[in-house]
Protein backbone atom coordinates (compact mmCIF):
# COMPACT_ATOMS: atom_id res chain seq x y z
CA UNK A 1 66.70 -56.26 22.82
CA UNK A 2 67.99 -52.82 24.62
CA UNK A 3 68.61 -52.14 27.83
CA UNK A 4 68.92 -48.04 28.58
CA UNK A 5 68.87 -46.22 31.41
CA UNK A 6 67.96 -42.98 29.46
CA UNK A 7 65.95 -42.38 26.96
CA UNK A 8 64.47 -45.04 24.23
CA UNK A 9 64.84 -42.29 21.66
CA UNK A 10 66.91 -43.66 18.63
CA UNK A 11 66.78 -47.17 19.63
CA UNK A 12 63.77 -48.46 17.32
CA UNK A 13 66.33 -48.25 13.96
CA UNK A 14 68.36 -50.99 15.98
CA UNK A 15 65.44 -53.06 17.13
CA UNK A 16 63.39 -53.54 14.19
CA UNK A 17 59.96 -54.92 14.49
CA UNK A 18 60.42 -57.48 17.03
CA UNK A 19 62.58 -55.85 19.03
CA UNK A 20 61.87 -55.20 22.82
CA UNK A 21 63.33 -51.84 24.48
CA UNK A 22 63.25 -51.97 28.84
CA UNK A 23 64.70 -48.54 30.23
CA UNK A 24 63.11 -44.97 30.01
CA UNK A 25 60.30 -43.46 27.86
CA UNK A 26 60.85 -39.95 28.39
CA UNK A 27 62.68 -37.05 30.25
CA UNK A 28 63.37 -34.99 33.07
CA UNK A 29 63.39 -38.12 36.03
CA UNK A 30 65.39 -37.53 38.47
CA UNK A 31 66.11 -39.47 41.94
CA UNK A 32 67.92 -42.76 43.77
CA UNK A 33 68.98 -44.36 41.41
CA UNK A 34 67.19 -47.79 42.48
CA UNK A 35 64.20 -45.76 42.98
CA UNK A 36 63.97 -44.67 39.65
CA UNK A 37 64.78 -48.06 38.25
CA UNK A 38 62.07 -49.34 40.04
CA UNK A 39 59.34 -46.78 38.90
CA UNK A 40 60.54 -46.87 34.93
CA UNK A 41 60.37 -51.18 35.15
CA UNK A 42 64.39 -50.97 34.52
CA UNK A 43 64.36 -54.00 36.71
CA UNK A 44 66.51 -57.81 35.88
CA UNK A 45 63.02 -59.02 35.25
CA UNK A 46 62.00 -57.41 32.90
CA UNK A 47 65.28 -57.90 31.17
CA UNK A 48 64.80 -61.18 31.81
CA UNK A 49 61.01 -61.36 30.23
CA UNK A 50 61.88 -59.55 26.89
CA UNK A 51 64.36 -61.55 26.29
CA UNK A 52 62.34 -63.97 26.63
CA UNK A 53 59.75 -61.97 24.39
CA UNK A 54 62.06 -61.79 21.75
CA UNK A 55 63.26 -65.84 21.71
CA UNK A 56 59.85 -66.36 21.59
CA UNK A 57 58.66 -64.86 18.68
CA UNK A 58 62.54 -65.33 16.59
CA UNK A 59 62.85 -68.82 17.12
CA UNK A 60 58.80 -70.09 18.63
């Protein structure tokens, strides 16, 4: 599981097949941090959901 306010590039090698990424998938966005995070789904709810999905897949 990775949370990154920047781009996803490079995280796949650490996440593997069951990993989840919460963050941006491209470059070049700017604005007020709360608005940018909301737009790209970098939220507490998204992190919790991704963690639950990983735990479910790994541990059943």
